[in-house]
Amino acid sequence: MDFLVEQKNFEASNEVDLGITAGIGVDITNNFGVEARVKKGFIPVYTFYNDHSNVTFQAGVYYTFNMKK
């Protein structure tokens, strides 16, 4: 669930969005990896000519520290 915090350059029709997220991550080494996610919103958030919902793509890299003994 996402909430509108700030609004610039457009008129939002909804201040809340509900969606589904799916992603994958791959460990390249024991401590380093990459990940990617995509989110598709279900609620129209911008109505001009058609209903538009959010689609978000995220990519990242991560490093884990060996803290377990």
N, C-alpha and C. Protein backbone atom coordinates (compact mmCIF):
# COMPACT_ATOMS: atom_id res chain seq x y z
N MET A 1 0.84 -1.17 0.00
CA MET A 1 0.00 0.00 0.00
C MET A 1 0.90 1.24 0.00
N ASP A 2 0.60 2.19 -0.86
CA ASP A 2 1.35 3.43 -0.97
C ASP A 2 0.44 4.62 -0.69
N PHE A 3 1.03 5.66 -0.10
CA PHE A 3 0.29 6.87 0.22
C PHE A 3 0.94 8.07 -0.46
N LEU A 4 0.14 8.98 -0.99
CA LEU A 4 0.64 10.21 -1.58
C LEU A 4 1.12 11.14 -0.47
N VAL A 5 2.38 11.56 -0.56
CA VAL A 5 2.97 12.43 0.44
C VAL A 5 3.06 13.85 -0.08
N GLU A 6 3.46 14.01 -1.34
CA GLU A 6 3.61 15.32 -1.93
C GLU A 6 3.12 15.27 -3.37
N GLN A 7 2.54 16.35 -3.83
CA GLN A 7 1.95 16.39 -5.17
C GLN A 7 2.50 17.58 -5.94
N LYS A 8 3.12 17.32 -7.11
CA LYS A 8 3.66 18.38 -7.96
C LYS A 8 3.33 18.06 -9.41
N ASN A 9 3.00 19.05 -10.18
CA ASN A 9 2.88 18.98 -11.65
C ASN A 9 1.74 18.12 -12.18
N PHE A 10 0.88 17.61 -11.35
CA PHE A 10 -0.29 16.87 -11.84
C PHE A 10 -1.35 16.82 -10.75
N GLU A 11 -2.54 16.50 -11.14
CA GLU A 11 -3.66 16.40 -10.19
C GLU A 11 -3.98 14.92 -9.97
N ALA A 12 -3.72 14.42 -8.78
CA ALA A 12 -3.96 13.01 -8.47
C ALA A 12 -5.44 12.79 -8.20
N SER A 13 -5.98 11.69 -8.73
CA SER A 13 -7.38 11.36 -8.49
C SER A 13 -7.55 10.52 -7.23
N ASN A 14 -6.50 9.85 -6.77
CA ASN A 14 -6.51 9.07 -5.53
C ASN A 14 -5.23 9.35 -4.76
N GLU A 15 -5.32 9.32 -3.44
CA GLU A 15 -4.14 9.55 -2.61
C GLU A 15 -3.58 8.25 -2.04
N VAL A 16 -4.19 7.12 -2.38
CA VAL A 16 -3.76 5.81 -1.91
C VAL A 16 -3.66 4.89 -3.11
N ASP A 17 -2.64 4.05 -3.13
CA ASP A 17 -2.49 3.06 -4.18
C ASP A 17 -2.25 1.70 -3.55
N LEU A 18 -2.83 0.69 -4.12
CA LEU A 18 -2.66 -0.69 -3.68
C LEU A 18 -2.15 -1.48 -4.86
N GLY A 19 -1.11 -2.28 -4.66
CA GLY A 19 -0.54 -3.01 -5.77
C GLY A 19 0.12 -4.29 -5.34
N ILE A 20 0.74 -4.93 -6.31
CA ILE A 20 1.45 -6.18 -6.06
C ILE A 20 2.89 -6.01 -6.53
N THR A 21 3.82 -6.59 -5.78
CA THR A 21 5.24 -6.47 -6.08
C THR A 21 5.83 -7.86 -6.26
N ALA A 22 6.69 -8.00 -7.27
CA ALA A 22 7.40 -9.26 -7.49
C ALA A 22 8.85 -8.92 -7.80
N GLY A 23 9.76 -9.79 -7.38
CA GLY A 23 11.16 -9.50 -7.63
C GLY A 23 12.03 -10.72 -7.52
N ILE A 24 13.30 -10.50 -7.82
CA ILE A 24 14.29 -11.57 -7.77
C ILE A 24 15.61 -10.99 -7.30
N GLY A 25 16.36 -11.80 -6.59
CA GLY A 25 17.69 -11.41 -6.16
C GLY A 25 18.66 -12.54 -6.40
N VAL A 26 19.90 -12.20 -6.71
CA VAL A 26 20.92 -13.20 -7.00
C VAL A 26 22.17 -12.87 -6.21
N ASP A 27 22.69 -13.85 -5.46
CA ASP A 27 23.97 -13.69 -4.77
C ASP A 27 25.08 -13.98 -5.76
N ILE A 28 25.93 -12.99 -6.02
CA ILE A 28 27.05 -13.18 -6.93
C ILE A 28 28.23 -13.81 -6.18
N THR A 29 28.49 -13.33 -4.97
CA THR A 29 29.46 -13.95 -4.08
C THR A 29 28.75 -14.20 -2.76
N ASN A 30 29.49 -14.64 -1.73
CA ASN A 30 28.88 -14.86 -0.42
C ASN A 30 28.37 -13.57 0.20
N ASN A 31 28.96 -12.42 -0.18
CA ASN A 31 28.60 -11.16 0.43
C ASN A 31 27.97 -10.15 -0.50
N PHE A 32 27.98 -10.36 -1.79
CA PHE A 32 27.55 -9.36 -2.76
C PHE A 32 26.48 -9.95 -3.68
N GLY A 33 25.48 -9.12 -3.99
CA GLY A 33 24.42 -9.59 -4.88
C GLY A 33 23.69 -8.44 -5.56
N VAL A 34 22.79 -8.80 -6.46
CA VAL A 34 21.96 -7.83 -7.17
C VAL A 34 20.51 -8.25 -7.03
N GLU A 35 19.61 -7.28 -7.15
CA GLU A 35 18.18 -7.56 -7.04
C GLU A 35 17.39 -6.63 -7.93
N ALA A 36 16.19 -7.06 -8.31
CA ALA A 36 15.29 -6.25 -9.12
C ALA A 36 13.85 -6.56 -8.72
N ARG A 37 13.02 -5.53 -8.73
CA ARG A 37 11.60 -5.68 -8.37
C ARG A 37 10.76 -4.83 -9.31
N VAL A 38 9.52 -5.26 -9.52
CA VAL A 38 8.55 -4.47 -10.28
C VAL A 38 7.25 -4.44 -9.47
N LYS A 39 6.60 -3.28 -9.45
CA LYS A 39 5.33 -3.11 -8.73
C LYS A 39 4.28 -2.60 -9.69
N LYS A 40 3.11 -3.20 -9.68
CA LYS A 40 1.98 -2.77 -10.50
C LYS A 40 0.85 -2.37 -9.57
N GLY A 41 0.43 -1.10 -9.68
CA GLY A 41 -0.68 -0.60 -8.87
C GLY A 41 -2.01 -0.99 -9.46
N PHE A 42 -3.01 -1.15 -8.63
CA PHE A 42 -4.36 -1.52 -9.06
C PHE A 42 -5.32 -0.33 -9.13
N ILE A 43 -5.07 0.71 -8.36
CA ILE A 43 -5.98 1.83 -8.24
C ILE A 43 -5.55 2.95 -9.19
N PRO A 44 -6.43 3.45 -10.03
CA PRO A 44 -6.05 4.57 -10.91
C PRO A 44 -5.67 5.80 -10.07
N VAL A 45 -4.51 6.36 -10.34
CA VAL A 45 -4.04 7.50 -9.57
C VAL A 45 -4.04 8.79 -10.37
N TYR A 46 -4.19 8.70 -11.69
CA TYR A 46 -4.20 9.89 -12.53
C TYR A 46 -5.21 9.67 -13.64
N THR A 47 -6.20 10.54 -13.75
CA THR A 47 -7.22 10.41 -14.77
C THR A 47 -7.19 11.66 -15.64
N PHE A 48 -6.78 11.50 -16.87
CA PHE A 48 -6.81 12.60 -17.83
C PHE A 48 -7.72 12.18 -18.98
N TYR A 49 -7.24 11.34 -19.85
CA TYR A 49 -8.09 10.73 -20.87
C TYR A 49 -8.44 9.30 -20.49
N ASN A 50 -7.49 8.61 -19.89
CA ASN A 50 -7.68 7.22 -19.46
C ASN A 50 -7.28 7.10 -18.00
N ASP A 51 -7.61 5.97 -17.42
CA ASP A 51 -7.17 5.69 -16.06
C ASP A 51 -5.73 5.17 -16.10
N HIS A 52 -4.86 5.81 -15.35
CA HIS A 52 -3.46 5.42 -15.31
C HIS A 52 -3.12 4.94 -13.91
N SER A 53 -2.47 3.79 -13.81
CA SER A 53 -2.03 3.28 -12.52
C SER A 53 -0.51 3.27 -12.48
N ASN A 54 0.04 3.16 -11.29
CA ASN A 54 1.49 3.18 -11.11
C ASN A 54 2.13 1.89 -11.56
N VAL A 55 3.29 2.02 -12.18
CA VAL A 55 4.18 0.89 -12.46
C VAL A 55 5.57 1.36 -12.04
N THR A 56 6.19 0.61 -11.15
CA THR A 56 7.48 0.99 -10.60
C THR A 56 8.48 -0.14 -10.80
N PHE A 57 9.70 0.22 -11.22
CA PHE A 57 10.78 -0.75 -11.34
C PHE A 57 11.91 -0.32 -10.41
N GLN A 58 12.45 -1.26 -9.65
CA GLN A 58 13.55 -0.98 -8.74
C GLN A 58 14.68 -1.96 -9.02
N ALA A 59 15.91 -1.47 -8.99
CA ALA A 59 17.08 -2.33 -9.13
C ALA A 59 18.08 -1.93 -8.06
N GLY A 60 18.80 -2.90 -7.56
CA GLY A 60 19.76 -2.58 -6.51
C GLY A 60 20.87 -3.60 -6.40
N VAL A 61 21.88 -3.19 -5.68
CA VAL A 61 22.98 -4.08 -5.32
C VAL A 61 23.05 -4.10 -3.79
N TYR A 62 23.54 -5.18 -3.25
CA TYR A 62 23.63 -5.26 -1.80
C TYR A 62 24.91 -5.97 -1.38
N TYR A 63 25.34 -5.64 -0.18
CA TYR A 63 26.49 -6.25 0.45
C TYR A 63 26.09 -6.69 1.83
N THR A 64 26.39 -7.92 2.21
CA THR A 64 26.06 -8.42 3.53
C THR A 64 27.35 -8.61 4.33
N PHE A 65 27.26 -8.35 5.61
CA PHE A 65 28.41 -8.52 6.50
C PHE A 65 28.29 -9.85 7.21
N ASN A 66 29.39 -10.52 7.41
CA ASN A 66 29.41 -11.81 8.13
C ASN A 66 29.37 -11.54 9.63
N MET A 67 28.17 -11.48 10.19
CA MET A 67 27.99 -11.17 11.60
C MET A 67 27.76 -12.44 12.42
N LYS A 68 27.41 -13.57 11.79
CA LYS A 68 27.12 -14.80 12.53
C LYS A 68 28.42 -15.48 12.94
N LYS A 69 28.39 -16.07 14.12
CA LYS A 69 29.58 -16.79 14.61
C LYS A 69 29.26 -18.24 14.77
